[in-house]
Amino acid sequence: MIDLHIHSYYSDDGEFLPKQLIELAKEAKLEAISIADHNSIKANVTANKLCQEVGINYVPGIEIDCLYQGQVFHVLGYYIDCHSKDFLDIEENVYRQNKQAGEKYIEYARSLGFDVSKDALKKLTESAYHKDVFIPEMLASVLLSDERYLDNELLLDYRPGGKRGDNPNVNFFWDFYAQSKPGYVEIKYPEMSEVVKIIHHNGGLAILAHPGQNLKEQKEKVKDIIKLGFDGIEVFSSYHSEQDVYYYYEVAEQNEMLKTCGSDFHGSNKPAIKIGQINIPKGLYPSSIQEMERRLMRC
């Protein structure tokens, strides 16, 4: 089993150190992994070394936020140059904007009637890589643990047993702060076509991440997106229904593309998602590491 979509604390919404993730991967008996942090390559060198020590294949990775026709998507880059300035520049650009956006996230929460304490948010970032970036998932964590809001109607769905209680923090983000939602703050991400070019320029494979999460009822749009030069689709994802898996598998097959497999494990921000746990219907198979490496040699 492989899991090529795992996040460490170098992601602004990740929790675990690379060393801890390798331990979890070993416990789950994974054969290969990739730590594909949001807009950051910083986990890769350490993760590669640790994986070699425990006999797990490691694929250098990153997950880059980008825009396609004005909509936010994620692109996975595998086998990339883990020292490239291109990726460091992307990280710095997104970090700077996220830091500024934090104040606006807090303002919106206050407009809903919540007395948000910056001190409480800062406590959450004590063990984080970015100690001055406040994201909506942190707001959710603070509000849901605040006794003053135990019966607040806006939060009931995110509590245990609520219809959004499986992954409460990230669901709070999607419901209040995601693109098209009232608390959304625009971050100027690069265009998808540019991201694909950057990944290829740095020796990597470009994979469209969890399209079922982004496209939902617009599945057909993937046929135009992959024309930008994608090498594969993340067919097997914790976000995909079985119907999604079959659809994107067939698209990848028809276009001779890689079919990758990733949980999108984050830790406490997405507690329902476990490392290495991905739905793979009987008779379907993700691309192996060997297939990915052969494709890389042809590029």
C-alpha atoms as a PDB file:
ATOM      1  CA  MET A   1       0.000   0.000   0.000  1.00  0.00           C
ATOM      2  CA  ILE A   2       1.188   3.515  -0.783  1.00  0.00           C
ATOM      3  CA  ASP A   3       0.085   6.967   0.371  1.00  0.00           C
ATOM      4  CA  LEU A   4       1.431   9.821  -1.707  1.00  0.00           C
ATOM      5  CA  HIS A   5      -0.514  12.657  -0.097  1.00  0.00           C
ATOM      6  CA  ILE A   6       0.486  13.293   3.516  1.00  0.00           C
ATOM      7  CA  HIS A   7       0.961  16.629   5.285  1.00  0.00           C
ATOM      8  CA  SER A   8       3.468  17.568   7.957  1.00  0.00           C
ATOM      9  CA  TYR A   9       3.665  20.614  10.202  1.00  0.00           C
ATOM     10  CA  TYR A  10       5.287  22.526   7.336  1.00  0.00           C
ATOM     11  CA  SER A  11       1.742  22.806   5.978  1.00  0.00           C
ATOM     12  CA  ASP A  12      -0.160  25.580   7.744  1.00  0.00           C
ATOM     13  CA  ASP A  13      -2.905  23.065   8.587  1.00  0.00           C
ATOM     14  CA  GLY A  14      -0.668  20.047   9.297  1.00  0.00           C
ATOM     15  CA  GLU A  15       0.200  18.681  12.717  1.00  0.00           C
ATOM     16  CA  PHE A  16       3.032  16.140  12.770  1.00  0.00           C
ATOM     17  CA  LEU A  17       6.774  16.377  12.331  1.00  0.00           C
ATOM     18  CA  PRO A  18       8.221  14.348   9.428  1.00  0.00           C
ATOM     19  CA  LYS A  19       9.719  11.883  11.925  1.00  0.00           C
ATOM     20  CA  GLN A  20       6.297  11.260  13.473  1.00  0.00           C
ATOM     21  CA  LEU A  21       4.741  10.720  10.041  1.00  0.00           C
ATOM     22  CA  ILE A  22       7.373   8.139   9.143  1.00  0.00           C
ATOM     23  CA  GLU A  23       6.595   6.296  12.384  1.00  0.00           C
ATOM     24  CA  LEU A  24       2.881   6.324  11.543  1.00  0.00           C
ATOM     25  CA  ALA A  25       3.636   5.106   8.016  1.00  0.00           C
ATOM     26  CA  LYS A  26       5.710   2.245   9.394  1.00  0.00           C
ATOM     27  CA  GLU A  27       2.909   1.282  11.802  1.00  0.00           C
ATOM     28  CA  ALA A  28       0.483   1.283   8.872  1.00  0.00           C
ATOM     29  CA  LYS A  29       2.920  -0.948   6.937  1.00  0.00           C
ATOM     30  CA  LEU A  30       3.074   1.429   3.997  1.00  0.00           C
ATOM     31  CA  GLU A  31       5.531   0.565   1.247  1.00  0.00           C
ATOM     32  CA  ALA A  32       5.892   4.108  -0.103  1.00  0.00           C
ATOM     33  CA  ILE A  33       4.870   7.618   0.925  1.00  0.00           C
ATOM     34  CA  SER A  34       5.188  11.252  -0.058  1.00  0.00           C
ATOM     35  CA  ILE A  35       4.935  14.241   2.237  1.00  0.00           C
ATOM     36  CA  ALA A  36       3.277  16.733  -0.090  1.00  0.00           C
ATOM     37  CA  ASP A  37       2.985  19.851   2.020  1.00  0.00           C
ATOM     38  CA  HIS A  38       0.988  22.889   0.988  1.00  0.00           C
ATOM     39  CA  ASN A  39       3.343  25.089  -1.027  1.00  0.00           C
ATOM     40  CA  SER A  40       6.419  23.804   0.817  1.00  0.00           C
ATOM     41  CA  ILE A  41       9.264  21.399   0.068  1.00  0.00           C
ATOM     42  CA  LYS A  42      10.890  21.616   3.493  1.00  0.00           C
ATOM     43  CA  ALA A  43       9.918  18.165   4.785  1.00  0.00           C
ATOM     44  CA  ASN A  44      11.391  16.224   1.899  1.00  0.00           C
ATOM     45  CA  VAL A  45      15.100  15.961   2.687  1.00  0.00           C
ATOM     46  CA  THR A  46      14.481  14.812   6.272  1.00  0.00           C
ATOM     47  CA  ALA A  47      11.646  12.482   5.255  1.00  0.00           C
ATOM     48  CA  ASN A  48      13.723  10.851   2.530  1.00  0.00           C
ATOM     49  CA  LYS A  49      16.565  10.138   4.967  1.00  0.00           C
ATOM     50  CA  LEU A  50      14.228   8.715   7.619  1.00  0.00           C
ATOM     51  CA  CYS A  51      12.394   6.537   5.102  1.00  0.00           C
ATOM     52  CA  GLN A  52      15.673   5.047   3.909  1.00  0.00           C
ATOM     53  CA  GLU A  53      16.459   4.095   7.502  1.00  0.00           C
ATOM     54  CA  VAL A  54      13.200   2.150   7.936  1.00  0.00           C
ATOM     55  CA  GLY A  55      12.875   0.675   4.441  1.00  0.00           C
ATOM     56  CA  ILE A  56      10.036   2.795   3.067  1.00  0.00           C
ATOM     57  CA  ASN A  57      10.219   4.165  -0.469  1.00  0.00           C
ATOM     58  CA  TYR A  58      10.051   7.938  -0.465  1.00  0.00           C
ATOM     59  CA  VAL A  59       8.758  10.180  -3.256  1.00  0.00           C
ATOM     60  CA  PRO A  60       9.653  13.881  -2.915  1.00  0.00           C
ATOM     61  CA  GLY A  61       6.467  15.928  -3.122  1.00  0.00           C
ATOM     62  CA  ILE A  62       4.609  19.211  -2.809  1.00  0.00           C
ATOM     63  CA  GLU A  63       0.977  20.331  -3.121  1.00  0.00           C
ATOM     64  CA  ILE A  64       0.645  23.736  -4.746  1.00  0.00           C
ATOM     65  CA  ASP A  65      -2.434  25.951  -4.546  1.00  0.00           C
ATOM     66  CA  CYS A  66      -3.297  27.459  -7.912  1.00  0.00           C
ATOM     67  CA  LEU A  67      -6.084  28.943 -10.035  1.00  0.00           C
ATOM     68  CA  TYR A  68      -7.932  27.592 -13.052  1.00  0.00           C
ATOM     69  CA  GLN A  69     -10.566  29.893 -14.538  1.00  0.00           C
ATOM     70  CA  GLY A  70     -10.630  31.757 -11.246  1.00  0.00           C
ATOM     71  CA  GLN A  71     -11.250  28.655  -9.104  1.00  0.00           C
ATOM     72  CA  VAL A  72      -8.781  27.354  -6.524  1.00  0.00           C
ATOM     73  CA  PHE A  73      -7.320  23.904  -7.226  1.00  0.00           C
ATOM     74  CA  HIS A  74      -4.406  21.877  -5.879  1.00  0.00           C
ATOM     75  CA  VAL A  75      -1.633  20.342  -7.961  1.00  0.00           C
ATOM     76  CA  LEU A  76       0.686  17.656  -6.633  1.00  0.00           C
ATOM     77  CA  GLY A  77       4.298  17.643  -7.789  1.00  0.00           C
ATOM     78  CA  TYR A  78       6.311  14.429  -7.403  1.00  0.00           C
ATOM     79  CA  TYR A  79      10.047  13.759  -7.841  1.00  0.00           C
ATOM     80  CA  ILE A  80      10.687  17.504  -7.840  1.00  0.00           C
ATOM     81  CA  ASP A  81      13.981  19.212  -7.071  1.00  0.00           C
ATOM     82  CA  CYS A  82      13.714  19.667  -3.300  1.00  0.00           C
ATOM     83  CA  HIS A  83      16.171  22.562  -3.279  1.00  0.00           C
ATOM     84  CA  SER A  84      14.653  24.637  -6.079  1.00  0.00           C
ATOM     85  CA  LYS A  85      14.230  28.359  -5.531  1.00  0.00           C
ATOM     86  CA  ASP A  86      11.029  28.150  -7.582  1.00  0.00           C
ATOM     87  CA  PHE A  87       9.278  26.314  -4.748  1.00  0.00           C
ATOM     88  CA  LEU A  88      10.843  28.446  -2.036  1.00  0.00           C
ATOM     89  CA  ASP A  89       9.479  31.536  -3.814  1.00  0.00           C
ATOM     90  CA  ILE A  90       6.002  29.991  -3.945  1.00  0.00           C
ATOM     91  CA  GLU A  91       6.144  29.243  -0.229  1.00  0.00           C
ATOM     92  CA  GLU A  92       7.257  32.767   0.675  1.00  0.00           C
ATOM     93  CA  ASN A  93       4.528  34.335  -1.464  1.00  0.00           C
ATOM     94  CA  VAL A  94       1.740  32.229   0.071  1.00  0.00           C
ATOM     95  CA  TYR A  95       3.120  32.594   3.614  1.00  0.00           C
ATOM     96  CA  ARG A  96       3.147  36.387   3.358  1.00  0.00           C
ATOM     97  CA  GLN A  97      -0.432  36.501   2.117  1.00  0.00           C
ATOM     98  CA  ASN A  98      -1.672  33.967   4.680  1.00  0.00           C
ATOM     99  CA  LYS A  99      -0.164  36.015   7.488  1.00  0.00           C
ATOM    100  CA  GLN A 100      -2.096  39.098   6.324  1.00  0.00           C
ATOM    101  CA  ALA A 101      -5.298  37.102   5.771  1.00  0.00           C
ATOM    102  CA  GLY A 102      -5.313  35.902   9.393  1.00  0.00           C
ATOM    103  CA  GLU A 103      -6.485  39.289  10.654  1.00  0.00           C
ATOM    104  CA  LYS A 104      -9.410  39.256   8.232  1.00  0.00           C
ATOM    105  CA  TYR A 105     -10.381  35.735   9.272  1.00  0.00           C
ATOM    106  CA  ILE A 106     -10.556  36.925  12.877  1.00  0.00           C
ATOM    107  CA  GLU A 107     -12.589  39.997  11.898  1.00  0.00           C
ATOM    108  CA  TYR A 108     -15.167  37.836  10.135  1.00  0.00           C
ATOM    109  CA  ALA A 109     -15.497  35.500  13.140  1.00  0.00           C
ATOM    110  CA  ARG A 110     -16.086  38.531  15.348  1.00  0.00           C
ATOM    111  CA  SER A 111     -18.773  39.757  12.934  1.00  0.00           C
ATOM    112  CA  LEU A 112     -20.602  36.484  13.625  1.00  0.00           C
ATOM    113  CA  GLY A 113     -20.631  37.329  17.322  1.00  0.00           C
ATOM    114  CA  PHE A 114     -17.614  35.334  18.483  1.00  0.00           C
ATOM    115  CA  ASP A 115     -15.163  36.898  20.921  1.00  0.00           C
ATOM    116  CA  VAL A 116     -11.965  35.526  19.390  1.00  0.00           C
ATOM    117  CA  SER A 117      -8.863  35.704  21.535  1.00  0.00           C
ATOM    118  CA  LYS A 118      -5.531  36.086  19.742  1.00  0.00           C
ATOM    119  CA  ASP A 119      -3.827  34.607  22.801  1.00  0.00           C
ATOM    120  CA  ALA A 120      -5.828  31.404  22.346  1.00  0.00           C
ATOM    121  CA  LEU A 121      -4.818  31.269  18.683  1.00  0.00           C
ATOM    122  CA  LYS A 122      -1.171  31.858  19.546  1.00  0.00           C
ATOM    123  CA  LYS A 123      -1.259  28.913  21.953  1.00  0.00           C
ATOM    124  CA  LEU A 124      -2.303  26.675  19.091  1.00  0.00           C
ATOM    125  CA  THR A 125       0.715  27.766  17.059  1.00  0.00           C
ATOM    126  CA  GLU A 126       3.315  27.184  19.801  1.00  0.00           C
ATOM    127  CA  SER A 127       4.398  23.913  18.190  1.00  0.00           C
ATOM    128  CA  ALA A 128       3.630  24.999  14.616  1.00  0.00           C
ATOM    129  CA  TYR A 129       6.206  25.855  11.986  1.00  0.00           C
ATOM    130  CA  HIS A 130       4.505  29.190  11.205  1.00  0.00           C
ATOM    131  CA  LYS A 131       3.812  30.776  14.573  1.00  0.00           C
ATOM    132  CA  ASP A 132       2.265  33.966  13.163  1.00  0.00           C
ATOM    133  CA  VAL A 133      -0.232  32.496  10.690  1.00  0.00           C
ATOM    134  CA  PHE A 134      -3.838  32.074  11.848  1.00  0.00           C
ATOM    135  CA  ILE A 135      -6.064  29.966   9.606  1.00  0.00           C
ATOM    136  CA  PRO A 136      -9.818  29.277   9.816  1.00  0.00           C
ATOM    137  CA  GLU A 137      -9.225  25.729  11.078  1.00  0.00           C
ATOM    138  CA  MET A 138      -7.508  27.240  14.143  1.00  0.00           C
ATOM    139  CA  LEU A 139     -10.477  29.531  14.697  1.00  0.00           C
ATOM    140  CA  ALA A 140     -12.752  26.501  14.611  1.00  0.00           C
ATOM    141  CA  SER A 141     -10.618  24.687  17.175  1.00  0.00           C
ATOM    142  CA  VAL A 142     -10.654  27.671  19.532  1.00  0.00           C
ATOM    143  CA  LEU A 143     -14.387  28.320  19.188  1.00  0.00           C
ATOM    144  CA  LEU A 144     -15.390  24.678  19.575  1.00  0.00           C
ATOM    145  CA  SER A 145     -13.396  24.401  22.802  1.00  0.00           C
ATOM    146  CA  ASP A 146     -14.791  27.662  24.237  1.00  0.00           C
ATOM    147  CA  GLU A 147     -17.435  26.873  26.893  1.00  0.00           C
ATOM    148  CA  ARG A 148     -19.261  30.134  26.125  1.00  0.00           C
ATOM    149  CA  TYR A 149     -20.289  28.710  22.746  1.00  0.00           C
ATOM    150  CA  LEU A 150     -21.320  25.167  23.692  1.00  0.00           C
ATOM    151  CA  ASP A 151     -24.901  25.826  22.564  1.00  0.00           C
ATOM    152  CA  ASN A 152     -24.161  28.283  19.783  1.00  0.00           C
ATOM    153  CA  GLU A 153     -26.323  27.364  16.798  1.00  0.00           C
ATOM    154  CA  LEU A 154     -23.580  28.161  14.291  1.00  0.00           C
ATOM    155  CA  LEU A 155     -21.328  25.532  15.864  1.00  0.00           C
ATOM    156  CA  LEU A 156     -23.742  22.688  16.628  1.00  0.00           C
ATOM    157  CA  ASP A 157     -23.161  20.915  13.293  1.00  0.00           C
ATOM    158  CA  TYR A 158     -19.409  20.695  14.034  1.00  0.00           C
ATOM    159  CA  ARG A 159     -19.725  19.002  17.404  1.00  0.00           C
ATOM    160  CA  PRO A 160     -19.529  15.208  17.926  1.00  0.00           C
ATOM    161  CA  GLY A 161     -22.540  13.632  16.279  1.00  0.00           C
ATOM    162  CA  GLY A 162     -23.262  16.741  14.207  1.00  0.00           C
ATOM    163  CA  LYS A 163     -23.627  16.441  10.451  1.00  0.00           C
ATOM    164  CA  ARG A 164     -20.268  18.220   9.966  1.00  0.00           C
ATOM    165  CA  GLY A 165     -18.620  16.715  13.039  1.00  0.00           C
ATOM    166  CA  ASP A 166     -16.423  14.125  11.296  1.00  0.00           C
ATOM    167  CA  ASN A 167     -13.743  16.679  10.359  1.00  0.00           C
ATOM    168  CA  PRO A 168     -15.041  19.729  12.266  1.00  0.00           C
ATOM    169  CA  ASN A 169     -12.171  22.159  11.787  1.00  0.00           C
ATOM    170  CA  VAL A 170     -11.785  21.813   8.045  1.00  0.00           C
ATOM    171  CA  ASN A 171     -15.550  21.590   7.550  1.00  0.00           C
ATOM    172  CA  PHE A 172     -15.864  24.911   9.378  1.00  0.00           C
ATOM    173  CA  PHE A 173     -13.334  26.326   6.923  1.00  0.00           C
ATOM    174  CA  TRP A 174     -15.223  24.989   3.896  1.00  0.00           C
ATOM    175  CA  ASP A 175     -18.556  26.297   5.180  1.00  0.00           C
ATOM    176  CA  PHE A 176     -17.488  29.786   6.222  1.00  0.00           C
ATOM    177  CA  TYR A 177     -14.132  30.657   4.655  1.00  0.00           C
ATOM    178  CA  ALA A 178     -13.681  28.691   1.425  1.00  0.00           C
ATOM    179  CA  GLN A 179     -13.886  30.336  -1.968  1.00  0.00           C
ATOM    180  CA  SER A 180     -17.432  31.719  -2.586  1.00  0.00           C
ATOM    181  CA  LYS A 181     -18.191  31.698   1.184  1.00  0.00           C
ATOM    182  CA  PRO A 182     -18.762  34.977   3.106  1.00  0.00           C
ATOM    183  CA  GLY A 183     -15.502  34.835   5.087  1.00  0.00           C
ATOM    184  CA  TYR A 184     -13.313  34.106   2.074  1.00  0.00           C
ATOM    185  CA  VAL A 185     -10.111  36.123   1.763  1.00  0.00           C
ATOM    186  CA  GLU A 186      -8.507  36.148  -1.659  1.00  0.00           C
ATOM    187  CA  ILE A 187      -4.989  34.766  -1.891  1.00  0.00           C
ATOM    188  CA  LYS A 188      -3.253  35.412  -5.207  1.00  0.00           C
ATOM    189  CA  TYR A 189      -2.125  31.963  -6.249  1.00  0.00           C
ATOM    190  CA  PRO A 190      -0.284  31.204  -9.512  1.00  0.00           C
ATOM    191  CA  GLU A 191      -2.218  29.979 -12.530  1.00  0.00           C
ATOM    192  CA  MET A 192      -2.504  26.207 -12.872  1.00  0.00           C
ATOM    193  CA  SER A 193      -0.747  26.185 -16.249  1.00  0.00           C
ATOM    194  CA  GLU A 194       2.238  27.970 -14.685  1.00  0.00           C
ATOM    195  CA  VAL A 195       2.374  25.493 -11.787  1.00  0.00           C
ATOM    196  CA  VAL A 196       2.455  22.538 -14.187  1.00  0.00           C
ATOM    197  CA  LYS A 197       5.339  24.198 -16.057  1.00  0.00           C
ATOM    198  CA  ILE A 198       7.266  24.848 -12.823  1.00  0.00           C
ATOM    199  CA  ILE A 199       6.911  21.218 -11.729  1.00  0.00           C
ATOM    200  CA  HIS A 200       8.113  19.953 -15.117  1.00  0.00           C
ATOM    201  CA  HIS A 201      10.961  22.482 -15.179  1.00  0.00           C
ATOM    202  CA  ASN A 202      12.122  21.065 -11.856  1.00  0.00           C
ATOM    203  CA  GLY A 203      12.135  17.467 -13.078  1.00  0.00           C
ATOM    204  CA  GLY A 204       8.800  16.435 -11.597  1.00  0.00           C
ATOM    205  CA  LEU A 205       5.469  14.856 -12.443  1.00  0.00           C
ATOM    206  CA  ALA A 206       2.341  17.054 -12.245  1.00  0.00           C
ATOM    207  CA  ILE A 207      -0.729  15.342 -10.764  1.00  0.00           C
ATOM    208  CA  LEU A 208      -4.192  16.874 -10.389  1.00  0.00           C
ATOM    209  CA  ALA A 209      -5.107  16.497  -6.709  1.00  0.00           C
ATOM    210  CA  HIS A 210      -8.498  15.124  -5.561  1.00  0.00           C
ATOM    211  CA  PRO A 211     -10.537  16.509  -8.507  1.00  0.00           C
ATOM    212  CA  GLY A 212     -13.756  15.139  -7.034  1.00  0.00           C
ATOM    213  CA  GLN A 213     -13.374  17.569  -4.134  1.00  0.00           C
ATOM    214  CA  ASN A 214     -12.950  20.577  -6.431  1.00  0.00           C
ATOM    215  CA  LEU A 215     -15.121  19.762  -9.408  1.00  0.00           C
ATOM    216  CA  LYS A 216     -18.015  17.988  -7.664  1.00  0.00           C
ATOM    217  CA  GLU A 217     -20.839  18.093 -10.244  1.00  0.00           C
ATOM    218  CA  GLN A 218     -18.559  19.482 -12.978  1.00  0.00           C
ATOM    219  CA  LYS A 219     -16.558  16.307 -13.553  1.00  0.00           C
ATOM    220  CA  GLU A 220     -16.408  16.822 -17.321  1.00  0.00           C
ATOM    221  CA  LYS A 221     -14.207  19.882 -16.799  1.00  0.00           C
ATOM    222  CA  VAL A 222     -11.314  17.566 -15.907  1.00  0.00           C
ATOM    223  CA  LYS A 223     -10.979  16.693 -19.604  1.00  0.00           C
ATOM    224  CA  ASP A 224      -9.992  20.286 -20.360  1.00  0.00           C
ATOM    225  CA  ILE A 225      -7.812  20.653 -17.275  1.00  0.00           C
ATOM    226  CA  ILE A 226      -5.579  17.677 -18.084  1.00  0.00           C
ATOM    227  CA  LYS A 227      -4.749  19.251 -21.456  1.00  0.00           C
ATOM    228  CA  LEU A 228      -2.495  21.655 -19.550  1.00  0.00           C
ATOM    229  CA  GLY A 229       0.128  18.915 -19.498  1.00  0.00           C
ATOM    230  CA  PHE A 230      -0.739  16.820 -16.456  1.00  0.00           C
ATOM    231  CA  ASP A 231       1.008  13.484 -16.029  1.00  0.00           C
ATOM    232  CA  GLY A 232      -1.677  11.984 -13.832  1.00  0.00           C
ATOM    233  CA  ILE A 233      -4.761  12.274 -11.665  1.00  0.00           C
ATOM    234  CA  GLU A 234      -5.097  11.530  -7.961  1.00  0.00           C
ATOM    235  CA  VAL A 235      -7.819   8.975  -8.629  1.00  0.00           C
ATOM    236  CA  PHE A 236      -7.781   7.292  -5.225  1.00  0.00           C
ATOM    237  CA  SER A 237      -8.504   9.903  -2.561  1.00  0.00           C
ATOM    238  CA  SER A 238     -10.239   9.973   0.807  1.00  0.00           C
ATOM    239  CA  TYR A 239     -12.542  12.622  -0.685  1.00  0.00           C
ATOM    240  CA  HIS A 240     -13.707  10.502  -3.599  1.00  0.00           C
ATOM    241  CA  SER A 241     -16.851   8.434  -3.657  1.00  0.00           C
ATOM    242  CA  GLU A 242     -16.663   5.094  -5.448  1.00  0.00           C
ATOM    243  CA  GLN A 243     -18.420   6.751  -8.388  1.00  0.00           C
ATOM    244  CA  ASP A 244     -15.723   9.456  -8.451  1.00  0.00           C
ATOM    245  CA  VAL A 245     -12.982   6.829  -8.414  1.00  0.00           C
ATOM    246  CA  TYR A 246     -14.419   4.940 -11.374  1.00  0.00           C
ATOM    247  CA  TYR A 247     -14.946   8.152 -13.359  1.00  0.00           C
ATOM    248  CA  TYR A 248     -11.457   9.578 -12.870  1.00  0.00           C
ATOM    249  CA  TYR A 249      -9.862   6.154 -13.302  1.00  0.00           C
ATOM    250  CA  GLU A 250     -11.490   5.882 -16.729  1.00  0.00           C
ATOM    251  CA  VAL A 251     -10.381   9.397 -17.702  1.00  0.00           C
ATOM    252  CA  ALA A 252      -6.809   8.554 -16.692  1.00  0.00           C
ATOM    253  CA  GLU A 253      -6.935   5.248 -18.578  1.00  0.00           C
ATOM    254  CA  GLN A 254      -8.236   6.864 -21.758  1.00  0.00           C
ATOM    255  CA  ASN A 255      -5.483   9.476 -21.669  1.00  0.00           C
ATOM    256  CA  GLU A 256      -2.676   7.104 -20.619  1.00  0.00           C
ATOM    257  CA  MET A 257      -2.126   9.003 -17.387  1.00  0.00           C
ATOM    258  CA  LEU A 258      -0.850   7.956 -13.975  1.00  0.00           C
ATOM    259  CA  LYS A 259      -3.461   7.089 -11.343  1.00  0.00           C
ATOM    260  CA  THR A 260      -2.108   8.077  -7.942  1.00  0.00           C
ATOM    261  CA  CYS A 261      -3.268   7.295  -4.437  1.00  0.00           C
ATOM    262  CA  GLY A 262      -3.335   9.654  -1.435  1.00  0.00           C
ATOM    263  CA  SER A 263      -5.191  10.046   1.850  1.00  0.00           C
ATOM    264  CA  ASP A 264      -4.569  13.795   2.370  1.00  0.00           C
ATOM    265  CA  PHE A 265      -3.750  13.021   5.988  1.00  0.00           C
ATOM    266  CA  HIS A 266      -3.337  16.128   8.166  1.00  0.00           C
ATOM    267  CA  GLY A 267      -3.879  14.968  11.737  1.00  0.00           C
ATOM    268  CA  SER A 268      -6.281  16.737  14.105  1.00  0.00           C
ATOM    269  CA  ASN A 269      -7.672  19.106  11.468  1.00  0.00           C
ATOM    270  CA  LYS A 270      -9.060  16.102   9.571  1.00  0.00           C
ATOM    271  CA  PRO A 271      -9.408  13.387  12.233  1.00  0.00           C
ATOM    272  CA  ALA A 272     -11.626  11.169  10.070  1.00  0.00           C
ATOM    273  CA  ILE A 273      -8.784  10.781   7.563  1.00  0.00           C
ATOM    274  CA  LYS A 274      -6.182   8.201   8.579  1.00  0.00           C
ATOM    275  CA  ILE A 275      -2.768   7.736   7.041  1.00  0.00           C
ATOM    276  CA  GLY A 276      -2.806   5.043   4.375  1.00  0.00           C
ATOM    277  CA  GLN A 277      -6.581   4.569   4.473  1.00  0.00           C
ATOM    278  CA  ILE A 278      -7.926   5.122   0.959  1.00  0.00           C
ATOM    279  CA  ASN A 279     -10.871   3.489  -0.775  1.00  0.00           C
ATOM    280  CA  ILE A 280      -9.657   1.349  -3.699  1.00  0.00           C
ATOM    281  CA  PRO A 281     -12.505  -0.598  -5.330  1.00  0.00           C
ATOM    282  CA  LYS A 282     -11.809  -4.221  -6.169  1.00  0.00           C
ATOM    283  CA  GLY A 283     -10.235  -4.631  -9.589  1.00  0.00           C
ATOM    284  CA  LEU A 284      -8.749  -1.130  -9.764  1.00  0.00           C
ATOM    285  CA  TYR A 285      -5.090  -0.441  -9.096  1.00  0.00           C
ATOM    286  CA  PRO A 286      -3.099   2.744  -8.476  1.00  0.00           C
ATOM    287  CA  SER A 287       0.049   3.338 -10.470  1.00  0.00           C
ATOM    288  CA  SER A 288       3.079   1.809  -8.809  1.00  0.00           C
ATOM    289  CA  ILE A 289       6.221   3.710  -7.885  1.00  0.00           C
ATOM    290  CA  GLN A 290       7.945   1.884 -10.736  1.00  0.00           C
ATOM    291  CA  GLU A 291       5.339   3.148 -13.221  1.00  0.00           C
ATOM    292  CA  MET A 292       5.820   6.693 -11.973  1.00  0.00           C
ATOM    293  CA  GLU A 293       9.585   6.425 -12.331  1.00  0.00           C
ATOM    294  CA  ARG A 294       9.258   5.032 -15.860  1.00  0.00           C
ATOM    295  CA  ARG A 295       6.988   7.927 -16.793  1.00  0.00           C
ATOM    296  CA  LEU A 296       9.521  10.320 -15.332  1.00  0.00           C
ATOM    297  CA  MET A 297      12.245   8.869 -17.551  1.00  0.00           C
ATOM    298  CA  ARG A 298      10.101   9.494 -20.636  1.00  0.00           C
ATOM    299  CA  CYS A 299       9.461  13.134 -19.759  1.00  0.00           C
END
